[in-house]
Amino acid sequence: MDAHETLRRRTFVVGAGASLLGAGAVSAAEAAVVDGPLPDFHPALKEALTFPLAWGRSPIRDLRAWRRAARATVEEHLLVERQDGTPYAPGFTGRSRTGDYTRELVTVSLTRYERVRGALLTPHGRGPFPAVLLLHDHGARFDIGKEKLVRPWYDDARLASAQAWADKYFSGRFVGDELARRGYVVLCLDALGWGDRGPLAYEQQQALASNFLNLGSSLAGLMAREDQRAAAFLAGLDRVDARRVAAVGFSMGAYRAWQTAALGDHVAAAASVCWMTGLKEMMVPGNNTLRGQSAYYMLHPGLARHLDIPDVASIAAPKPMLFLDGGLDTLFPAEGVRVAYDKLRAVWRSHHAEERIRTKTWPELGHVFTAPMQDEVVSWLDDVL
């Protein structure tokens, strides 16, 4: 086969979708993968996403019935079975006291597959205390996970990396330590690939995700299940007031926070910083999501045929929820944030609970969780819990 024939065959195969959709001949220039990894017919695929199960579009008019149906649909797309019957069998080590709280390492079975180590901080005083499931970000930095948010008193080798991360994104603070100092029990665990469960190399993420799919499972589904179980474990601790448990996270951790609030009943509120958008508005040329890799931790195959991203978060209504975003955050275009916020507020309004959702954009900030943002989150937690 000569080079001309090879090109002709490639043009037909790659451009076949565009030819069928356009009902006409497609030139070699038109028949290609465009805008990097997007297929040339991606506008037609976007147009086909109507999110028919979204509140207000779904034929289900009762809010409780809609929440049950929407949650069941998400559960089905996780591809990972529930782990409710697996004993946590917690083990505690590395106990250390500070002036305001006690630190310890806890190892638990979040699933039946492996045990996971996390940091557990408990304020001094008489409980039970309110609590925060603190969920770490992605950041393409895998040597530290929980250490991004809790000072690693147990591992001097990771302290330099952890402090550099805190300096870059959190105004030099360790968010978990700050929450414990202010009276909250804090639990923070490594997601698969980070810290004690890594480190994963950036370019290995896609292979890891595809291997999960080959095995009939899902990387994003595993993370969702583990976060649900972590919330239930935290709520069940004697030192914790089970009615006052919140999920808090930044970036991928923000996604995990609202997802945990939507899919489980152990979290009473959630604060999500720098992860909310409409799917269509995020799927634009140049967006990080188009690169694959990190996107797989937040991708439930086929779910977009039923629900948009804010539709999933809306399953949490009417729980108190806080969403903060940076106006200069290139990961989440302003239009996507606006669309998502409008959808979210509409659902809480339908519950006659609009005062329970707060959405805010910090116009001068990018993808960060600064000290003033942290202070706002803690003040909000004090109010709602």
Protein backbone atom coordinates (compact mmCIF):
# COMPACT_ATOMS: atom_id res chain seq x y z
CA MET A 1 0.00 0.00 0.00
CA ASP A 2 1.51 3.36 -1.01
CA ALA A 3 1.46 6.56 1.04
CA HIS A 4 -1.48 8.01 -0.94
CA GLU A 5 -3.60 4.93 -0.26
CA THR A 6 -2.68 5.00 3.43
CA LEU A 7 -3.78 8.64 3.66
CA ARG A 8 -7.00 7.93 1.75
CA ARG A 9 -7.91 5.08 4.12
CA ARG A 10 -7.10 7.16 7.20
CA THR A 11 -9.22 10.06 5.94
CA PHE A 12 -12.22 7.79 5.41
CA VAL A 13 -11.98 6.11 8.81
CA VAL A 14 -11.29 9.17 10.94
CA GLY A 15 -13.68 11.41 9.09
CA ALA A 16 -16.52 8.90 8.71
CA GLY A 17 -18.49 10.43 11.57
CA ALA A 18 -18.28 13.91 10.10
CA SER A 19 -19.31 12.63 6.68
CA LEU A 20 -22.40 10.90 8.03
CA LEU A 21 -23.37 13.84 10.21
CA GLY A 22 -22.85 16.37 7.45
CA ALA A 23 -24.51 14.24 4.76
CA GLY A 24 -21.82 15.20 2.32
CA ALA A 25 -18.27 14.60 1.19
CA VAL A 26 -15.53 15.42 3.66
CA SER A 27 -12.16 16.66 2.54
CA ALA A 28 -8.92 15.41 4.02
CA ALA A 29 -8.48 18.76 5.72
CA GLU A 30 -11.86 18.44 7.44
CA ALA A 31 -11.66 14.76 8.32
CA ALA A 32 -9.36 14.67 11.28
CA VAL A 33 -9.05 14.84 15.00
CA VAL A 34 -9.31 18.55 15.78
CA ASP A 35 -8.42 20.82 18.69
CA GLY A 36 -5.94 18.31 20.00
CA PRO A 37 -7.69 15.13 21.13
CA LEU A 38 -11.28 16.12 20.29
CA PRO A 39 -12.95 14.24 17.40
CA ASP A 40 -14.02 16.39 14.47
CA PHE A 41 -17.68 15.59 15.25
CA HIS A 42 -17.50 16.63 18.92
CA PRO A 43 -20.12 19.42 18.48
CA ALA A 44 -22.69 16.79 17.52
CA LEU A 45 -21.81 14.70 20.57
CA LYS A 46 -22.19 17.76 22.79
CA GLU A 47 -25.53 18.58 21.24
CA ALA A 48 -26.75 15.07 22.02
CA LEU A 49 -26.13 15.60 25.75
CA THR A 50 -29.50 16.82 27.01
CA PHE A 51 -29.20 15.54 30.61
CA PRO A 52 -32.74 14.12 30.65
CA LEU A 53 -32.65 13.15 34.34
CA ALA A 54 -31.77 16.67 35.54
CA TRP A 55 -34.21 18.26 37.98
CA GLY A 56 -36.69 20.34 35.99
CA ARG A 57 -36.13 18.27 32.86
CA SER A 58 -36.88 14.87 34.35
CA PRO A 59 -40.53 13.72 34.30
CA ILE A 60 -40.16 13.04 38.04
CA ARG A 61 -41.73 16.01 39.85
CA ASP A 62 -41.41 14.93 43.47
CA LEU A 63 -38.06 16.08 44.85
CA ARG A 64 -37.51 13.10 47.14
CA ALA A 65 -38.36 10.67 44.35
CA TRP A 66 -36.06 12.55 41.99
CA ARG A 67 -33.19 12.42 44.48
CA ARG A 68 -33.63 8.66 44.86
CA ALA A 69 -33.75 8.11 41.09
CA ALA A 70 -30.78 10.39 40.37
CA ARG A 71 -28.67 8.86 43.14
CA ALA A 72 -29.51 5.35 41.91
CA THR A 73 -28.41 6.34 38.40
CA VAL A 74 -25.08 7.63 39.68
CA GLU A 75 -24.61 4.53 41.83
CA GLU A 76 -25.15 2.33 38.77
CA HIS A 77 -22.43 4.16 36.86
CA LEU A 78 -19.81 3.87 39.60
CA LEU A 79 -19.19 0.25 38.52
CA VAL A 80 -17.88 -0.56 42.01
CA GLU A 81 -20.08 -2.47 44.41
CA ARG A 82 -21.04 -1.02 47.78
CA GLN A 83 -18.72 -2.03 50.61
CA ASP A 84 -21.08 -1.55 53.55
CA GLY A 85 -20.48 -5.03 54.97
CA THR A 86 -16.70 -4.74 55.12
CA PRO A 87 -15.45 -4.22 58.72
CA TYR A 88 -13.33 -1.11 59.14
CA ALA A 89 -11.08 -2.84 61.69
CA PRO A 90 -9.27 0.41 62.55
CA GLY A 91 -5.74 0.40 63.88
CA PHE A 92 -4.26 3.48 65.58
CA THR A 93 -0.57 4.40 65.72
CA GLY A 94 1.74 7.43 65.79
CA ARG A 95 -0.10 9.28 68.54
CA SER A 96 1.22 12.77 69.27
CA ARG A 97 -0.14 15.76 71.21
CA THR A 98 0.02 19.46 70.34
CA GLY A 99 -1.24 22.38 72.38
CA ASP A 100 -4.73 22.24 70.83
CA TYR A 101 -5.30 18.74 69.48
CA THR A 102 -4.07 15.15 69.36
CA ARG A 103 -2.70 13.61 66.16
CA GLU A 104 -2.73 9.93 65.30
CA LEU A 105 -2.51 7.68 62.28
CA VAL A 106 -5.46 5.40 61.59
CA THR A 107 -5.50 2.45 59.20
CA VAL A 108 -8.89 1.22 58.00
CA SER A 109 -10.45 -1.07 55.43
CA LEU A 110 -12.46 1.27 53.21
CA THR A 111 -13.10 -1.62 50.83
CA ARG A 112 -12.49 -5.35 50.97
CA TYR A 113 -9.48 -4.94 48.70
CA GLU A 114 -6.91 -3.12 50.84
CA ARG A 115 -6.28 -1.10 53.99
CA VAL A 116 -5.70 2.62 53.83
CA ARG A 117 -3.73 4.83 56.23
CA GLY A 118 -4.91 8.31 57.13
CA ALA A 119 -4.35 11.17 59.56
CA LEU A 120 -6.87 11.71 62.37
CA LEU A 121 -6.81 14.91 64.41
CA THR A 122 -8.92 15.37 67.57
CA PRO A 123 -9.30 18.64 69.51
CA HIS A 124 -8.57 18.62 73.23
CA GLY A 125 -11.63 18.85 75.39
CA ARG A 126 -14.87 17.05 75.92
CA GLY A 127 -16.64 15.74 72.85
CA PRO A 128 -18.42 14.73 70.86
CA PHE A 129 -17.07 17.24 68.35
CA PRO A 130 -18.16 18.34 64.88
CA ALA A 131 -15.99 16.70 62.24
CA VAL A 132 -14.59 17.24 58.76
CA LEU A 133 -13.76 14.63 56.16
CA LEU A 134 -10.91 16.49 54.48
CA LEU A 135 -10.29 15.42 50.87
CA HIS A 136 -7.00 16.12 49.13
CA ASP A 137 -6.52 17.51 45.63
CA HIS A 138 -4.89 16.02 42.55
CA GLY A 139 -2.35 18.63 41.48
CA ALA A 140 -0.25 16.10 39.53
CA ARG A 141 1.78 15.67 42.73
CA PHE A 142 1.61 12.08 43.96
CA ASP A 143 4.33 11.73 46.60
CA ILE A 144 2.02 13.45 49.09
CA GLY A 145 -1.72 12.99 49.53
CA LYS A 146 -3.05 13.52 53.04
CA GLU A 147 0.19 15.41 53.71
CA LYS A 148 -1.04 18.22 51.46
CA LEU A 149 -3.59 19.07 54.13
CA VAL A 150 -2.21 17.70 57.40
CA ARG A 151 1.33 18.41 58.57
CA PRO A 152 3.17 15.03 58.41
CA TRP A 153 4.44 14.79 61.99
CA TYR A 154 5.14 11.10 61.33
CA ASP A 155 7.38 11.51 58.26
CA ASP A 156 10.14 14.14 58.10
CA ALA A 157 11.00 13.09 54.55
CA ARG A 158 7.63 14.33 53.27
CA LEU A 159 7.55 17.53 55.28
CA ALA A 160 9.44 19.66 52.74
CA SER A 161 7.12 18.62 49.89
CA ALA A 162 4.05 19.13 52.07
CA GLN A 163 5.14 22.60 53.20
CA ALA A 164 5.91 23.64 49.62
CA TRP A 165 2.41 22.55 48.61
CA ALA A 166 0.84 24.46 51.49
CA ASP A 167 2.86 27.54 50.54
CA LYS A 168 1.77 27.31 46.91
CA TYR A 169 -1.96 26.76 47.38
CA PHE A 170 -2.97 27.32 51.01
CA SER A 171 -1.18 30.50 52.14
CA GLY A 172 1.35 28.35 53.98
CA ARG A 173 -1.29 26.73 56.20
CA PHE A 174 -2.07 23.07 56.71
CA VAL A 175 -5.84 23.18 56.39
CA GLY A 176 -6.43 20.08 58.52
CA ASP A 177 -4.35 21.36 61.41
CA GLU A 178 -6.17 24.69 61.26
CA LEU A 179 -9.57 22.96 61.41
CA ALA A 180 -8.48 20.83 64.38
CA ARG A 181 -7.17 23.91 66.16
CA ARG A 182 -10.61 25.47 65.70
CA GLY A 183 -12.45 22.54 67.26
CA TYR A 184 -13.09 19.98 64.50
CA VAL A 185 -12.14 16.32 64.37
CA VAL A 186 -10.38 15.88 61.02
CA LEU A 187 -9.91 12.72 58.97
CA CYS A 188 -7.77 12.79 55.82
CA LEU A 189 -6.81 9.67 53.83
CA ASP A 190 -4.81 8.96 50.67
CA ALA A 191 -6.68 8.29 47.45
CA LEU A 192 -5.26 5.53 45.26
CA GLY A 193 -2.02 6.73 43.69
CA TRP A 194 -1.01 9.30 46.34
CA GLY A 195 1.18 9.22 49.43
CA ASP A 196 1.24 5.77 51.04
CA ARG A 197 -0.74 4.42 48.06
CA GLY A 198 1.70 5.71 45.46
CA PRO A 199 3.46 7.56 44.14
CA LEU A 200 1.87 7.18 40.73
CA ALA A 201 3.60 8.71 37.73
CA TYR A 202 1.46 11.28 35.86
CA GLU A 203 1.57 9.39 32.57
CA GLN A 204 0.44 6.16 34.29
CA GLN A 205 -3.00 7.47 35.22
CA GLN A 206 -4.67 6.64 31.93
CA ALA A 207 -3.32 3.09 31.97
CA LEU A 208 -4.46 2.64 35.57
CA ALA A 209 -7.95 3.83 34.65
CA SER A 210 -8.17 1.62 31.56
CA ASN A 211 -7.06 -1.40 33.56
CA PHE A 212 -9.89 -0.76 36.02
CA LEU A 213 -12.31 -0.64 33.09
CA ASN A 214 -10.83 -3.82 31.62
CA LEU A 215 -11.51 -5.47 34.97
CA GLY A 216 -15.13 -4.35 34.92
CA SER A 217 -14.49 -1.65 37.50
CA SER A 218 -13.76 2.08 37.64
CA LEU A 219 -11.03 4.26 39.11
CA ALA A 220 -13.46 7.15 39.71
CA GLY A 221 -16.01 4.74 41.12
CA LEU A 222 -13.48 3.35 43.59
CA MET A 223 -12.64 6.85 44.82
CA ALA A 224 -16.34 7.65 45.24
CA ARG A 225 -16.96 4.45 47.23
CA GLU A 226 -13.93 5.00 49.44
CA ASP A 227 -14.98 8.56 50.23
CA GLN A 228 -18.48 7.37 51.15
CA ARG A 229 -17.01 4.78 53.48
CA ALA A 230 -14.57 7.25 55.00
CA ALA A 231 -17.48 9.57 55.82
CA ALA A 232 -19.38 6.74 57.49
CA PHE A 233 -16.31 5.71 59.50
CA LEU A 234 -15.74 9.26 60.70
CA ALA A 235 -19.40 9.71 61.67
CA GLY A 236 -19.25 6.47 63.67
CA LEU A 237 -16.37 7.49 65.93
CA ASP A 238 -17.34 8.04 69.58
CA ARG A 239 -15.50 11.36 69.62
CA VAL A 240 -17.67 12.68 66.73
CA ASP A 241 -21.19 14.10 66.74
CA ALA A 242 -22.63 12.11 63.84
CA ARG A 243 -25.14 14.86 63.07
CA ARG A 244 -22.35 17.39 62.46
CA VAL A 245 -20.04 15.90 59.84
CA ALA A 246 -18.97 17.92 56.81
CA ALA A 247 -16.88 17.15 53.73
CA VAL A 248 -14.35 19.80 52.68
CA GLY A 249 -11.97 19.80 49.74
CA PHE A 250 -9.98 21.84 47.24
CA SER A 251 -9.72 21.11 43.49
CA MET A 252 -10.24 17.35 43.02
CA GLY A 253 -10.94 17.29 46.74
CA ALA A 254 -13.80 19.75 46.12
CA TYR A 255 -15.26 17.36 43.54
CA ARG A 256 -14.95 14.57 46.08
CA ALA A 257 -16.62 16.70 48.77
CA TRP A 258 -19.82 17.51 46.87
CA GLN A 259 -19.93 14.00 45.42
CA THR A 260 -19.76 12.48 48.90
CA ALA A 261 -22.53 14.79 50.11
CA ALA A 262 -24.67 13.79 47.12
CA LEU A 263 -24.21 10.03 47.40
CA GLY A 264 -24.36 9.48 51.15
CA ASP A 265 -26.25 10.49 54.25
CA HIS A 266 -23.35 10.61 56.73
CA VAL A 267 -22.25 14.05 55.50
CA ALA A 268 -24.52 16.86 56.66
CA ALA A 269 -22.81 19.65 54.69
CA ALA A 270 -20.00 20.20 52.19
CA ALA A 271 -17.64 23.01 51.24
CA SER A 272 -16.08 22.72 47.79
CA VAL A 273 -13.33 25.08 46.65
CA CYS A 274 -12.40 25.31 42.95
CA TRP A 275 -14.25 22.43 41.34
CA MET A 276 -17.65 23.16 39.85
CA THR A 277 -18.66 23.64 36.24
CA GLY A 278 -21.07 22.58 33.54
CA LEU A 279 -19.71 19.65 31.54
CA LYS A 280 -20.27 21.15 28.08
CA GLU A 281 -18.66 24.41 29.12
CA MET A 282 -15.62 22.57 30.46
CA MET A 283 -15.18 20.44 27.32
CA VAL A 284 -13.61 23.20 25.26
CA PRO A 285 -10.27 23.35 23.40
CA GLY A 286 -7.34 23.85 25.72
CA ASN A 287 -9.06 22.67 28.89
CA ASN A 288 -7.07 20.28 31.07
CA THR A 289 -9.91 17.74 31.04
CA LEU A 290 -9.25 17.02 27.34
CA ARG A 291 -5.82 15.61 28.18
CA GLY A 292 -7.29 12.53 29.87
CA GLN A 293 -4.96 11.39 32.67
CA SER A 294 -6.26 13.23 35.76
CA ALA A 295 -9.77 13.39 34.30
CA TYR A 296 -10.23 9.66 34.90
CA TYR A 297 -10.45 10.15 38.66
CA MET A 298 -13.62 12.15 38.06
CA LEU A 299 -15.11 10.31 35.09
CA HIS A 300 -18.01 7.88 35.50
CA PRO A 301 -18.50 6.26 32.08
CA GLY A 302 -21.90 7.00 30.54
CA LEU A 303 -23.22 9.18 33.37
CA ALA A 304 -23.27 12.30 31.18
CA ARG A 305 -26.06 10.73 29.13
CA HIS A 306 -28.29 11.29 32.15
CA LEU A 307 -26.93 14.09 34.37
CA ASP A 308 -24.71 17.14 34.12
CA ILE A 309 -22.02 17.74 36.77
CA PRO A 310 -24.11 20.21 38.84
CA ASP A 311 -27.08 17.85 38.54
CA VAL A 312 -25.09 15.22 40.42
CA ALA A 313 -24.08 17.73 43.08
CA SER A 314 -27.75 18.76 43.37
CA ILE A 315 -28.65 15.34 44.74
CA ALA A 316 -27.24 16.71 48.01
CA ALA A 317 -30.05 19.29 48.27
CA PRO A 318 -31.29 20.59 50.65
CA LYS A 319 -28.11 20.07 52.71
CA PRO A 320 -26.05 23.20 53.42
CA MET A 321 -23.45 23.54 50.65
CA LEU A 322 -20.74 26.11 49.95
CA PHE A 323 -19.09 26.52 46.55
CA LEU A 324 -16.12 28.87 46.09
CA ASP A 325 -14.32 29.44 42.80
CA GLY A 326 -11.58 31.72 41.51
CA GLY A 327 -12.46 34.09 38.70
CA LEU A 328 -9.02 33.59 37.15
CA ASP A 329 -9.09 29.79 37.43
CA THR A 330 -8.19 28.54 33.94
CA LEU A 331 -9.34 24.99 34.75
CA PHE A 332 -12.95 26.10 35.08
CA PRO A 333 -14.08 28.72 32.55
CA ALA A 334 -16.31 31.44 33.99
CA GLU A 335 -19.26 30.43 31.80
CA GLY A 336 -19.13 26.88 33.10
CA VAL A 337 -19.09 28.08 36.71
CA ARG A 338 -22.04 30.41 36.03
CA VAL A 339 -24.09 27.68 34.37
CA ALA A 340 -23.38 25.29 37.23
CA TYR A 341 -24.20 27.83 39.93
CA ASP A 342 -27.51 28.67 38.23
CA LYS A 343 -28.47 24.99 38.11
CA LEU A 344 -27.49 24.41 41.72
CA ARG A 345 -29.42 27.38 43.07
CA ALA A 346 -32.51 26.35 41.10
CA VAL A 347 -32.62 22.96 42.83
CA TRP A 348 -32.18 24.41 46.32
CA ARG A 349 -34.86 26.99 45.44
CA SER A 350 -37.21 24.13 44.55
CA HIS A 351 -36.58 22.76 48.04
CA HIS A 352 -37.42 26.19 49.51
CA ALA A 353 -33.89 26.09 50.90
CA GLU A 354 -32.02 28.67 48.82
CA GLU A 355 -30.48 30.09 52.00
CA ARG A 356 -28.67 26.77 52.49
CA ILE A 357 -26.54 27.10 49.39
CA ARG A 358 -23.83 29.71 48.98
CA THR A 359 -21.97 30.22 45.71
CA LYS A 360 -19.18 32.74 45.38
CA THR A 361 -16.51 33.65 42.87
CA TRP A 362 -13.36 35.44 44.03
CA PRO A 363 -12.64 37.51 40.89
CA GLU A 364 -8.98 38.20 41.67
CA LEU A 365 -7.99 34.59 42.45
CA GLY A 366 -6.99 31.59 40.39
CA HIS A 367 -6.85 27.93 41.40
CA VAL A 368 -6.01 28.39 45.10
CA PHE A 369 -7.47 27.99 48.59
CA THR A 370 -6.07 31.04 50.37
CA ALA A 371 -6.23 31.89 54.06
CA PRO A 372 -9.21 34.27 53.61
CA MET A 373 -11.08 31.53 51.72
CA GLN A 374 -10.25 29.05 54.48
CA ASP A 375 -11.51 31.49 57.11
CA GLU A 376 -14.76 31.85 55.19
CA VAL A 377 -15.15 28.08 55.03
CA VAL A 378 -14.56 27.66 58.77
CA SER A 379 -17.00 30.47 59.63
CA TRP A 380 -19.58 28.85 57.37
CA LEU A 381 -19.00 25.46 59.00
CA ASP A 382 -19.45 27.05 62.43
CA ASP A 383 -22.80 28.43 61.27
CA VAL A 384 -24.24 25.35 59.57
CA LEU A 385 -22.91 22.69 61.97
